[in-house]
Amino acid sequence: MQSVNFHTKVKAKQGRNPNNDKEKPRKLRNVKMFGWDKGLDYEKTYKLILNHYRQATRDTSKAYDIILLTQLRNGSRLTEAINFLNKIAEMKPFKRQATIIVEKRKDKYERQMILPEEISKAELMRVSYIIREANRWKVSGYCKRTYGFNTHALRYAFISYLSRKGVSPQIIAKITGHKSLEYIIYYTQQIQAEDVLKNLPR
């Protein structure tokens, strides 16, 4: 009886599906491949997701891109972005900003979040039924497949952007909802150290 390699069978079943290539934008280059911090450039990443959103034809892609844009625009965690969008979609009258409870804080600290200016009320309401059913696993899987990075990298792209703009760690922590300044200070100092090293005169 001919033996069959189990791993060969699994790979055959997991063959590339040509449908998965649809609507995929170009992934960012020169990205650090370690941990959650992928060294994403805030402005380039925002444009990348926004362009994909505008070209997408499927409501699911549009809904998930709105979530990712909202997360990046606010430097939030993924679930916070989903909760915020669900909250404003149900608000009457409609408002583009609201406070949400920060994840992983026992003191129920609330932070302000804002809907990206490129997203209209009509566009949000059109895909609100998908956002209601969204969760971190669905959206993070979509982000990884479509853009090649994890969703938490968006949060740190935002922090890096503010740090390079000269915003203090105290203000950054207030915006992002970090309870302890220790981590923000360490991270922003790391960014500044890398920038100094890169910009040393030759």
N, C-alpha and C. Protein backbone atom coordinates (compact mmCIF):
# COMPACT_ATOMS: atom_id res chain seq x y z
N MET A 1 0.85 -1.22 0.00
CA MET A 1 0.00 0.00 0.00
C MET A 1 0.88 1.26 0.00
N GLN A 2 0.57 2.18 -0.87
CA GLN A 2 1.39 3.39 -1.00
C GLN A 2 1.13 4.34 0.15
N SER A 3 2.21 4.77 0.79
CA SER A 3 2.05 5.71 1.92
C SER A 3 1.86 7.12 1.40
N VAL A 4 1.11 7.90 2.18
CA VAL A 4 0.85 9.29 1.81
C VAL A 4 1.35 10.19 2.90
N ASN A 5 2.15 11.15 2.54
CA ASN A 5 2.67 12.10 3.51
C ASN A 5 1.56 13.03 3.96
N PHE A 6 1.29 13.05 5.29
CA PHE A 6 0.19 13.85 5.82
C PHE A 6 0.38 15.32 5.52
N HIS A 7 1.61 15.83 5.70
CA HIS A 7 1.87 17.26 5.49
C HIS A 7 1.67 17.64 4.03
N THR A 8 1.97 16.69 3.10
CA THR A 8 1.76 16.96 1.68
C THR A 8 0.29 17.14 1.39
N LYS A 9 -0.56 16.29 2.03
CA LYS A 9 -2.00 16.39 1.83
C LYS A 9 -2.54 17.71 2.36
N VAL A 10 -2.05 18.09 3.54
CA VAL A 10 -2.52 19.34 4.14
C VAL A 10 -2.16 20.52 3.26
N LYS A 11 -0.92 20.53 2.73
CA LYS A 11 -0.50 21.64 1.87
C LYS A 11 -1.31 21.69 0.60
N ALA A 12 -1.68 20.52 0.09
CA ALA A 12 -2.48 20.47 -1.13
C ALA A 12 -3.85 21.07 -0.89
N LYS A 13 -4.42 20.77 0.30
CA LYS A 13 -5.74 21.31 0.64
C LYS A 13 -5.68 22.81 0.86
N GLN A 14 -4.51 23.26 1.34
CA GLN A 14 -4.37 24.68 1.63
C GLN A 14 -3.79 25.44 0.45
N GLY A 15 -3.94 24.89 -0.74
CA GLY A 15 -3.42 25.54 -1.95
C GLY A 15 -3.95 26.93 -2.11
N ARG A 16 -3.25 27.72 -2.86
CA ARG A 16 -3.60 29.13 -3.01
C ARG A 16 -4.93 29.29 -3.73
N ASN A 17 -5.79 30.09 -3.14
CA ASN A 17 -7.09 30.37 -3.72
C ASN A 17 -7.00 31.68 -4.49
N PRO A 18 -7.22 31.64 -5.79
CA PRO A 18 -7.09 32.88 -6.59
C PRO A 18 -8.02 33.98 -6.14
N ASN A 19 -9.13 33.61 -5.47
CA ASN A 19 -10.09 34.62 -5.01
C ASN A 19 -9.51 35.46 -3.87
N ASN A 20 -8.51 34.91 -3.16
CA ASN A 20 -7.92 35.64 -2.04
C ASN A 20 -7.08 36.82 -2.50
N ASP A 21 -6.73 36.83 -3.80
CA ASP A 21 -5.88 37.90 -4.31
C ASP A 21 -6.66 39.16 -4.66
N LYS A 22 -7.98 39.07 -4.65
CA LYS A 22 -8.79 40.22 -5.03
C LYS A 22 -8.74 41.30 -3.96
N GLU A 23 -8.71 42.53 -4.37
CA GLU A 23 -8.78 43.71 -3.52
C GLU A 23 -7.58 43.86 -2.58
N LYS A 24 -6.49 43.11 -2.82
CA LYS A 24 -5.33 43.24 -1.95
C LYS A 24 -4.43 44.38 -2.42
N PRO A 25 -4.15 45.35 -1.54
CA PRO A 25 -3.26 46.45 -1.92
C PRO A 25 -1.81 46.03 -1.79
N ARG A 26 -0.91 46.86 -2.26
CA ARG A 26 0.52 46.60 -2.08
C ARG A 26 0.87 46.75 -0.61
N LYS A 27 1.62 45.81 -0.09
CA LYS A 27 2.02 45.88 1.31
C LYS A 27 3.20 46.83 1.47
N LEU A 28 3.28 47.42 2.65
CA LEU A 28 4.35 48.38 2.91
C LEU A 28 5.71 47.68 2.95
N ARG A 29 6.71 48.35 2.41
CA ARG A 29 8.06 47.80 2.43
C ARG A 29 8.84 48.34 3.61
N ASN A 30 10.00 47.76 3.83
CA ASN A 30 10.92 48.20 4.88
C ASN A 30 10.26 48.24 6.25
N VAL A 31 9.53 47.18 6.56
CA VAL A 31 8.84 47.09 7.84
C VAL A 31 9.61 46.15 8.77
N LYS A 32 9.82 46.57 10.00
CA LYS A 32 10.53 45.72 10.96
C LYS A 32 9.65 44.51 11.30
N MET A 33 10.23 43.33 11.24
CA MET A 33 9.46 42.12 11.45
C MET A 33 9.75 41.52 12.82
N PHE A 34 9.38 42.22 13.87
CA PHE A 34 9.50 41.63 15.20
C PHE A 34 8.43 42.21 16.10
N GLY A 35 7.85 41.32 16.95
CA GLY A 35 6.85 41.76 17.92
C GLY A 35 5.68 42.49 17.30
N TRP A 36 5.03 43.31 18.12
CA TRP A 36 3.86 44.05 17.65
C TRP A 36 4.25 45.32 16.92
N ASP A 37 5.46 45.84 17.20
CA ASP A 37 5.88 47.09 16.58
C ASP A 37 6.53 46.79 15.23
N LYS A 38 5.79 47.04 14.17
CA LYS A 38 6.30 46.76 12.83
C LYS A 38 6.97 47.98 12.18
N GLY A 39 7.17 49.04 12.95
CA GLY A 39 7.81 50.23 12.41
C GLY A 39 7.00 50.90 11.32
N LEU A 40 5.68 50.85 11.44
CA LEU A 40 4.82 51.42 10.40
C LEU A 40 4.87 52.94 10.42
N ASP A 41 4.88 53.52 9.24
CA ASP A 41 4.77 54.98 9.11
C ASP A 41 3.29 55.34 9.14
N TYR A 42 2.92 56.20 10.08
CA TYR A 42 1.51 56.54 10.28
C TYR A 42 0.85 57.07 9.01
N GLU A 43 1.46 58.06 8.37
CA GLU A 43 0.83 58.69 7.20
C GLU A 43 0.74 57.75 6.01
N LYS A 44 1.80 56.99 5.75
CA LYS A 44 1.77 56.04 4.63
C LYS A 44 0.75 54.93 4.86
N THR A 45 0.68 54.47 6.10
CA THR A 45 -0.27 53.39 6.42
C THR A 45 -1.71 53.89 6.32
N TYR A 46 -1.94 55.13 6.76
CA TYR A 46 -3.28 55.71 6.67
C TYR A 46 -3.71 55.80 5.21
N LYS A 47 -2.82 56.28 4.35
CA LYS A 47 -3.13 56.40 2.91
C LYS A 47 -3.35 55.02 2.29
N LEU A 48 -2.55 54.06 2.70
CA LEU A 48 -2.68 52.69 2.17
C LEU A 48 -4.07 52.13 2.45
N ILE A 49 -4.51 52.23 3.70
CA ILE A 49 -5.81 51.68 4.09
C ILE A 49 -6.94 52.49 3.46
N LEU A 50 -6.79 53.82 3.44
CA LEU A 50 -7.82 54.68 2.86
C LEU A 50 -8.01 54.41 1.37
N ASN A 51 -6.92 54.25 0.63
CA ASN A 51 -7.02 53.95 -0.80
C ASN A 51 -7.68 52.60 -1.04
N HIS A 52 -7.34 51.63 -0.21
CA HIS A 52 -7.96 50.31 -0.34
C HIS A 52 -9.46 50.40 -0.04
N TYR A 53 -9.80 51.18 0.96
CA TYR A 53 -11.21 51.38 1.32
C TYR A 53 -11.99 51.97 0.14
N ARG A 54 -11.41 52.97 -0.49
CA ARG A 54 -12.11 53.65 -1.59
C ARG A 54 -12.27 52.77 -2.83
N GLN A 55 -11.34 51.83 -2.99
CA GLN A 55 -11.39 50.95 -4.16
C GLN A 55 -12.16 49.66 -3.90
N ALA A 56 -12.40 49.35 -2.66
CA ALA A 56 -13.06 48.09 -2.31
C ALA A 56 -14.51 48.07 -2.81
N THR A 57 -14.95 46.91 -3.21
CA THR A 57 -16.33 46.75 -3.69
C THR A 57 -17.19 45.95 -2.72
N ARG A 58 -16.56 45.20 -1.83
CA ARG A 58 -17.30 44.38 -0.87
C ARG A 58 -17.54 45.16 0.42
N ASP A 59 -18.76 45.06 0.94
CA ASP A 59 -19.10 45.76 2.18
C ASP A 59 -18.22 45.31 3.34
N THR A 60 -17.86 44.03 3.38
CA THR A 60 -17.03 43.53 4.48
C THR A 60 -15.67 44.22 4.47
N SER A 61 -15.06 44.35 3.30
CA SER A 61 -13.77 45.04 3.20
C SER A 61 -13.89 46.49 3.63
N LYS A 62 -14.95 47.15 3.20
CA LYS A 62 -15.16 48.55 3.57
C LYS A 62 -15.35 48.70 5.08
N ALA A 63 -16.14 47.80 5.67
CA ALA A 63 -16.40 47.86 7.11
C ALA A 63 -15.11 47.66 7.90
N TYR A 64 -14.33 46.67 7.52
CA TYR A 64 -13.10 46.38 8.25
C TYR A 64 -12.06 47.48 8.04
N ASP A 65 -12.04 48.08 6.85
CA ASP A 65 -11.12 49.21 6.63
C ASP A 65 -11.52 50.42 7.47
N ILE A 66 -12.81 50.65 7.63
CA ILE A 66 -13.27 51.74 8.50
C ILE A 66 -12.80 51.50 9.93
N ILE A 67 -12.88 50.26 10.39
CA ILE A 67 -12.42 49.92 11.74
C ILE A 67 -10.92 50.19 11.87
N LEU A 68 -10.15 49.75 10.88
CA LEU A 68 -8.70 49.94 10.93
C LEU A 68 -8.31 51.41 10.85
N LEU A 69 -8.98 52.17 10.00
CA LEU A 69 -8.72 53.61 9.92
C LEU A 69 -9.03 54.30 11.24
N THR A 70 -10.12 53.89 11.88
CA THR A 70 -10.52 54.46 13.16
C THR A 70 -9.50 54.11 14.24
N GLN A 71 -9.04 52.88 14.24
CA GLN A 71 -8.02 52.47 15.21
C GLN A 71 -6.74 53.28 15.02
N LEU A 72 -6.30 53.42 13.78
CA LEU A 72 -5.07 54.16 13.49
C LEU A 72 -5.22 55.64 13.82
N ARG A 73 -6.35 56.22 13.43
CA ARG A 73 -6.60 57.66 13.65
C ARG A 73 -6.61 58.02 15.12
N ASN A 74 -6.99 57.06 15.97
CA ASN A 74 -7.13 57.33 17.41
C ASN A 74 -6.08 56.65 18.28
N GLY A 75 -5.25 55.80 17.67
CA GLY A 75 -4.25 55.08 18.46
C GLY A 75 -4.87 54.17 19.50
N SER A 76 -6.00 53.59 19.15
CA SER A 76 -6.74 52.76 20.11
C SER A 76 -6.42 51.29 19.93
N ARG A 77 -6.94 50.48 20.81
CA ARG A 77 -6.94 49.04 20.60
C ARG A 77 -8.05 48.71 19.62
N LEU A 78 -7.95 47.53 19.01
CA LEU A 78 -8.91 47.14 17.98
C LEU A 78 -10.33 47.09 18.52
N THR A 79 -10.53 46.46 19.66
CA THR A 79 -11.88 46.33 20.23
C THR A 79 -12.45 47.69 20.60
N GLU A 80 -11.61 48.62 21.03
CA GLU A 80 -12.08 49.97 21.34
C GLU A 80 -12.62 50.65 20.09
N ALA A 81 -11.95 50.45 18.95
CA ALA A 81 -12.42 51.04 17.70
C ALA A 81 -13.77 50.46 17.30
N ILE A 82 -13.93 49.16 17.46
CA ILE A 82 -15.22 48.51 17.13
C ILE A 82 -16.32 49.03 18.05
N ASN A 83 -16.04 49.10 19.34
CA ASN A 83 -17.03 49.58 20.31
C ASN A 83 -17.42 51.03 20.02
N PHE A 84 -16.45 51.85 19.67
CA PHE A 84 -16.72 53.25 19.36
C PHE A 84 -17.63 53.39 18.15
N LEU A 85 -17.33 52.67 17.09
CA LEU A 85 -18.13 52.76 15.86
C LEU A 85 -19.56 52.27 16.10
N ASN A 86 -19.71 51.23 16.87
CA ASN A 86 -21.05 50.75 17.20
C ASN A 86 -21.81 51.77 18.04
N LYS A 87 -21.10 52.46 18.90
CA LYS A 87 -21.73 53.46 19.75
C LYS A 87 -22.24 54.65 18.95
N ILE A 88 -21.40 55.21 18.07
CA ILE A 88 -21.84 56.39 17.33
C ILE A 88 -22.89 56.04 16.26
N ALA A 89 -22.86 54.79 15.78
CA ALA A 89 -23.86 54.37 14.79
C ALA A 89 -25.26 54.37 15.38
N GLU A 90 -25.34 54.22 16.71
CA GLU A 90 -26.63 54.16 17.39
C GLU A 90 -27.02 55.49 18.02
N MET A 91 -26.11 56.46 17.98
CA MET A 91 -26.37 57.75 18.63
C MET A 91 -27.38 58.59 17.84
N LYS A 92 -28.29 59.23 18.55
CA LYS A 92 -29.26 60.14 17.95
C LYS A 92 -29.30 61.40 18.80
N PRO A 93 -28.96 62.55 18.22
CA PRO A 93 -28.49 62.74 16.85
C PRO A 93 -27.08 62.15 16.65
N PHE A 94 -26.73 61.91 15.41
CA PHE A 94 -25.44 61.31 15.07
C PHE A 94 -24.31 62.28 15.41
N LYS A 95 -23.26 61.76 16.03
CA LYS A 95 -22.08 62.56 16.34
C LYS A 95 -20.84 61.81 15.87
N ARG A 96 -19.83 62.55 15.48
CA ARG A 96 -18.61 61.94 14.95
C ARG A 96 -17.58 61.64 16.04
N GLN A 97 -17.90 61.96 17.26
CA GLN A 97 -16.99 61.67 18.35
C GLN A 97 -17.76 61.22 19.58
N ALA A 98 -17.08 60.44 20.41
CA ALA A 98 -17.71 59.93 21.63
C ALA A 98 -16.61 59.40 22.54
N THR A 99 -16.96 59.18 23.79
CA THR A 99 -16.01 58.58 24.74
C THR A 99 -16.33 57.09 24.87
N ILE A 100 -15.29 56.30 25.04
CA ILE A 100 -15.47 54.87 25.26
C ILE A 100 -14.59 54.44 26.44
N ILE A 101 -14.97 53.35 27.08
CA ILE A 101 -14.19 52.82 28.20
C ILE A 101 -12.94 52.13 27.65
N VAL A 102 -11.81 52.47 28.21
CA VAL A 102 -10.53 51.91 27.76
C VAL A 102 -10.42 50.45 28.21
N GLU A 103 -9.98 49.62 27.29
CA GLU A 103 -9.78 48.21 27.58
C GLU A 103 -8.62 48.05 28.56
N LYS A 104 -8.65 46.97 29.33
CA LYS A 104 -7.57 46.57 30.24
C LYS A 104 -7.33 47.56 31.37
N ARG A 105 -8.35 48.37 31.70
CA ARG A 105 -8.24 49.25 32.85
C ARG A 105 -9.41 49.01 33.78
N LYS A 106 -9.09 48.71 35.04
CA LYS A 106 -10.13 48.38 36.01
C LYS A 106 -10.85 49.60 36.55
N ASP A 107 -10.25 50.79 36.32
CA ASP A 107 -10.86 52.01 36.86
C ASP A 107 -11.92 52.61 35.93
N LYS A 108 -12.24 51.91 34.84
CA LYS A 108 -13.25 52.35 33.87
C LYS A 108 -12.94 53.73 33.30
N TYR A 109 -11.68 53.97 33.06
CA TYR A 109 -11.23 55.23 32.46
C TYR A 109 -11.81 55.36 31.05
N GLU A 110 -12.31 56.55 30.74
CA GLU A 110 -12.87 56.79 29.41
C GLU A 110 -11.97 57.72 28.61
N ARG A 111 -11.90 57.46 27.32
CA ARG A 111 -11.11 58.29 26.42
C ARG A 111 -11.96 58.74 25.25
N GLN A 112 -11.57 59.84 24.64
CA GLN A 112 -12.26 60.39 23.48
C GLN A 112 -11.79 59.70 22.20
N MET A 113 -12.73 59.43 21.30
CA MET A 113 -12.37 58.91 19.99
C MET A 113 -13.15 59.66 18.92
N ILE A 114 -12.57 59.72 17.71
CA ILE A 114 -13.13 60.51 16.62
C ILE A 114 -13.22 59.66 15.36
N LEU A 115 -14.33 59.80 14.63
CA LEU A 115 -14.47 59.12 13.35
C LEU A 115 -13.60 59.82 12.32
N PRO A 116 -12.78 59.08 11.56
CA PRO A 116 -11.95 59.73 10.53
C PRO A 116 -12.77 60.60 9.60
N GLU A 117 -12.25 61.77 9.27
CA GLU A 117 -13.01 62.76 8.49
C GLU A 117 -13.38 62.26 7.09
N GLU A 118 -12.63 61.27 6.59
CA GLU A 118 -12.92 60.76 5.24
C GLU A 118 -14.14 59.84 5.21
N ILE A 119 -14.62 59.43 6.37
CA ILE A 119 -15.76 58.51 6.45
C ILE A 119 -17.03 59.29 6.75
N SER A 120 -17.99 59.25 5.85
CA SER A 120 -19.25 59.97 6.05
C SER A 120 -20.21 59.13 6.90
N LYS A 121 -21.23 59.79 7.41
CA LYS A 121 -22.26 59.08 8.17
C LYS A 121 -22.92 58.01 7.31
N ALA A 122 -23.24 58.35 6.06
CA ALA A 122 -23.91 57.41 5.16
C ALA A 122 -23.05 56.17 4.92
N GLU A 123 -21.73 56.38 4.76
CA GLU A 123 -20.82 55.25 4.52
C GLU A 123 -20.74 54.35 5.74
N LEU A 124 -20.71 54.96 6.92
CA LEU A 124 -20.66 54.17 8.15
C LEU A 124 -21.95 53.38 8.34
N MET A 125 -23.09 54.05 8.15
CA MET A 125 -24.37 53.39 8.37
C MET A 125 -24.60 52.25 7.38
N ARG A 126 -24.06 52.39 6.17
CA ARG A 126 -24.24 51.36 5.15
C ARG A 126 -23.62 50.03 5.58
N VAL A 127 -22.49 50.09 6.30
CA VAL A 127 -21.81 48.85 6.70
C VAL A 127 -21.91 48.59 8.20
N SER A 128 -22.79 49.31 8.88
CA SER A 128 -22.90 49.17 10.34
C SER A 128 -23.34 47.76 10.74
N TYR A 129 -24.09 47.09 9.87
CA TYR A 129 -24.55 45.73 10.19
C TYR A 129 -23.37 44.76 10.26
N ILE A 130 -22.32 45.04 9.49
CA ILE A 130 -21.12 44.21 9.53
C ILE A 130 -20.27 44.55 10.75
N ILE A 131 -20.16 45.83 11.05
CA ILE A 131 -19.38 46.26 12.22
C ILE A 131 -19.99 45.71 13.51
N ARG A 132 -21.33 45.61 13.56
CA ARG A 132 -21.98 45.04 14.74
C ARG A 132 -21.55 43.61 14.99
N GLU A 133 -21.27 42.87 13.93
CA GLU A 133 -20.88 41.46 14.05
C GLU A 133 -19.36 41.28 14.07
N ALA A 134 -18.62 42.38 13.97
CA ALA A 134 -17.16 42.28 13.91
C ALA A 134 -16.58 41.93 15.28
N ASN A 135 -15.45 41.28 15.29
CA ASN A 135 -14.70 41.03 16.51
C ASN A 135 -13.21 41.08 16.19
N ARG A 136 -12.39 41.02 17.22
CA ARG A 136 -10.95 41.19 17.03
C ARG A 136 -10.33 40.12 16.14
N TRP A 137 -10.88 38.90 16.20
CA TRP A 137 -10.29 37.81 15.41
C TRP A 137 -10.58 37.98 13.92
N LYS A 138 -11.81 38.37 13.61
CA LYS A 138 -12.17 38.58 12.20
C LYS A 138 -11.36 39.72 11.59
N VAL A 139 -11.31 40.85 12.31
CA VAL A 139 -10.65 42.04 11.75
C VAL A 139 -9.13 41.88 11.74
N SER A 140 -8.58 41.29 12.79
CA SER A 140 -7.12 41.10 12.82
C SER A 140 -6.67 40.12 11.73
N GLY A 141 -7.49 39.09 11.48
CA GLY A 141 -7.18 38.16 10.40
C GLY A 141 -7.22 38.84 9.04
N TYR A 142 -8.23 39.69 8.85
CA TYR A 142 -8.35 40.46 7.60
C TYR A 142 -7.15 41.39 7.43
N CYS A 143 -6.75 42.06 8.49
CA CYS A 143 -5.62 43.00 8.43
C CYS A 143 -4.33 42.27 8.06
N LYS A 144 -4.11 41.13 8.67
CA LYS A 144 -2.89 40.37 8.41
C LYS A 144 -2.86 39.87 6.97
N ARG A 145 -4.01 39.36 6.49
CA ARG A 145 -4.07 38.85 5.11
C ARG A 145 -3.93 39.96 4.08
N THR A 146 -4.57 41.09 4.35
CA THR A 146 -4.67 42.16 3.36
C THR A 146 -3.45 43.07 3.35
N TYR A 147 -2.94 43.41 4.55
CA TYR A 147 -1.87 44.40 4.64
C TYR A 147 -0.52 43.84 5.12
N GLY A 148 -0.55 42.66 5.72
CA GLY A 148 0.70 42.04 6.14
C GLY A 148 1.23 42.45 7.49
N PHE A 149 0.41 43.14 8.32
CA PHE A 149 0.84 43.49 9.67
C PHE A 149 -0.32 43.27 10.63
N ASN A 150 -0.01 43.22 11.92
CA ASN A 150 -1.08 43.02 12.91
C ASN A 150 -1.71 44.35 13.31
N THR A 151 -2.90 44.28 13.85
CA THR A 151 -3.64 45.51 14.15
C THR A 151 -2.99 46.32 15.27
N HIS A 152 -2.30 45.67 16.19
CA HIS A 152 -1.70 46.42 17.30
C HIS A 152 -0.57 47.32 16.80
N ALA A 153 0.00 46.98 15.64
CA ALA A 153 1.04 47.83 15.06
C ALA A 153 0.48 49.22 14.72
N LEU A 154 -0.83 49.30 14.45
CA LEU A 154 -1.46 50.59 14.14
C LEU A 154 -1.42 51.51 15.36
N ARG A 155 -1.63 50.94 16.52
CA ARG A 155 -1.62 51.73 17.76
C ARG A 155 -0.24 52.36 17.96
N TYR A 156 0.80 51.62 17.69
CA TYR A 156 2.14 52.13 17.92
C TYR A 156 2.64 52.99 16.77
N ALA A 157 2.03 52.86 15.60
CA ALA A 157 2.32 53.81 14.52
C ALA A 157 1.83 55.19 14.93
N PHE A 158 0.68 55.23 15.58
CA PHE A 158 0.09 56.48 16.08
C PHE A 158 0.99 57.08 17.16
N ILE A 159 1.44 56.25 18.11
CA ILE A 159 2.30 56.73 19.20
C ILE A 159 3.62 57.27 18.64
N SER A 160 4.20 56.55 17.67
CA SER A 160 5.44 57.00 17.05
C SER A 160 5.26 58.34 16.35
N TYR A 161 4.13 58.48 15.66
CA TYR A 161 3.82 59.71 14.92
C TYR A 161 3.74 60.90 15.88
N LEU A 162 3.01 60.74 16.98
CA LEU A 162 2.88 61.83 17.95
C LEU A 162 4.21 62.15 18.60
N SER A 163 5.00 61.11 18.89
CA SER A 163 6.30 61.33 19.52
C SER A 163 7.21 62.15 18.61
N ARG A 164 7.20 61.83 17.32
CA ARG A 164 8.06 62.57 16.38
C ARG A 164 7.54 63.98 16.14
N LYS A 165 6.27 64.21 16.45
CA LYS A 165 5.70 65.56 16.36
C LYS A 165 5.98 66.37 17.61
N GLY A 166 6.64 65.75 18.59
CA GLY A 166 7.00 66.46 19.81
C GLY A 166 5.96 66.44 20.91
N VAL A 167 4.95 65.59 20.77
CA VAL A 167 3.92 65.47 21.82
C VAL A 167 4.52 64.72 23.01
N SER A 168 4.29 65.22 24.20
CA SER A 168 4.90 64.63 25.40
C SER A 168 4.30 63.26 25.71
N PRO A 169 5.06 62.39 26.37
CA PRO A 169 4.55 61.08 26.77
C PRO A 169 3.28 61.17 27.63
N GLN A 170 3.21 62.21 28.46
CA GLN A 170 2.04 62.39 29.32
C GLN A 170 0.77 62.60 28.49
N ILE A 171 0.86 63.43 27.45
CA ILE A 171 -0.30 63.69 26.59
C ILE A 171 -0.63 62.45 25.76
N ILE A 172 0.41 61.77 25.26
CA ILE A 172 0.18 60.55 24.48
C ILE A 172 -0.57 59.52 25.31
N ALA A 173 -0.12 59.34 26.56
CA ALA A 173 -0.77 58.37 27.46
C ALA A 173 -2.22 58.76 27.73
N LYS A 174 -2.47 60.05 27.82
CA LYS A 174 -3.84 60.53 28.05
C LYS A 174 -4.73 60.20 26.86
N ILE A 175 -4.19 60.35 25.65
CA ILE A 175 -4.95 60.07 24.43
C ILE A 175 -5.20 58.58 24.27
N THR A 176 -4.16 57.79 24.45
CA THR A 176 -4.27 56.35 24.18
C THR A 176 -4.90 55.57 25.33
N GLY A 177 -4.90 56.18 26.52
CA GLY A 177 -5.49 55.49 27.66
C GLY A 177 -4.53 54.61 28.43
N HIS A 178 -3.22 54.76 28.17
CA HIS A 178 -2.24 54.00 28.96
C HIS A 178 -2.27 54.51 30.41
N LYS A 179 -2.40 53.59 31.34
CA LYS A 179 -2.46 53.99 32.75
C LYS A 179 -1.09 54.37 33.28
N SER A 180 -0.07 53.62 32.87
CA SER A 180 1.29 53.86 33.33
C SER A 180 2.09 54.61 32.26
N LEU A 181 2.84 55.60 32.70
CA LEU A 181 3.69 56.36 31.78
C LEU A 181 4.97 55.61 31.46
N GLU A 182 5.31 54.64 32.29
CA GLU A 182 6.61 53.96 32.16
C GLU A 182 6.82 53.39 30.77
N TYR A 183 5.81 52.69 30.26
CA TYR A 183 5.97 52.05 28.97
C TYR A 183 6.03 53.07 27.84
N ILE A 184 5.17 54.09 27.91
CA ILE A 184 5.15 55.14 26.88
C ILE A 184 6.50 55.86 26.85
N ILE A 185 7.03 56.19 28.03
CA ILE A 185 8.32 56.88 28.08
C ILE A 185 9.42 56.02 27.48
N TYR A 186 9.44 54.74 27.84
CA TYR A 186 10.45 53.84 27.30
C TYR A 186 10.35 53.76 25.77
N TYR A 187 9.13 53.61 25.28
CA TYR A 187 8.92 53.45 23.85
C TYR A 187 9.28 54.72 23.08
N THR A 188 8.84 55.87 23.58
CA THR A 188 9.12 57.13 22.88
C THR A 188 10.61 57.46 22.93
N GLN A 189 11.27 57.11 24.03
CA GLN A 189 12.72 57.32 24.11
C GLN A 189 13.45 56.44 23.10
N GLN A 190 12.94 55.23 22.91
CA GLN A 190 13.53 54.33 21.93
C GLN A 190 13.42 54.92 20.52
N ILE A 191 12.26 55.50 20.22
CA ILE A 191 12.04 56.15 18.92
C ILE A 191 13.02 57.30 18.73
N GLN A 192 13.14 58.13 19.78
CA GLN A 192 14.03 59.29 19.70
C GLN A 192 15.48 58.86 19.53
N ALA A 193 15.87 57.79 20.23
CA ALA A 193 17.25 57.29 20.12
C ALA A 193 17.54 56.80 18.71
N GLU A 194 16.59 56.10 18.10
CA GLU A 194 16.77 55.62 16.73
C GLU A 194 16.87 56.79 15.75
N ASP A 195 16.04 57.83 15.97
CA ASP A 195 16.08 59.00 15.09
C ASP A 195 17.41 59.74 15.19
N VAL A 196 17.93 59.88 16.41
CA VAL A 196 19.21 60.54 16.61
C VAL A 196 20.31 59.78 15.87
N LEU A 197 20.30 58.45 16.00
CA LEU A 197 21.32 57.63 15.37
C LEU A 197 21.25 57.74 13.84
N LYS A 198 20.03 57.73 13.31
CA LYS A 198 19.84 57.82 11.85
C LYS A 198 20.31 59.16 11.29
N ASN A 199 20.11 60.24 12.08
CA ASN A 199 20.36 61.59 11.59
C ASN A 199 21.72 62.16 11.97
N LEU A 200 22.58 61.33 12.52
CA LEU A 200 23.92 61.82 12.85
C LEU A 200 24.66 62.23 11.57
N PRO A 201 25.34 63.35 11.59
CA PRO A 201 26.09 63.78 10.40
C PRO A 201 27.21 62.79 10.08
N ARG A 202 27.44 62.58 8.78
CA ARG A 202 28.48 61.65 8.36
C ARG A 202 29.78 62.36 8.06
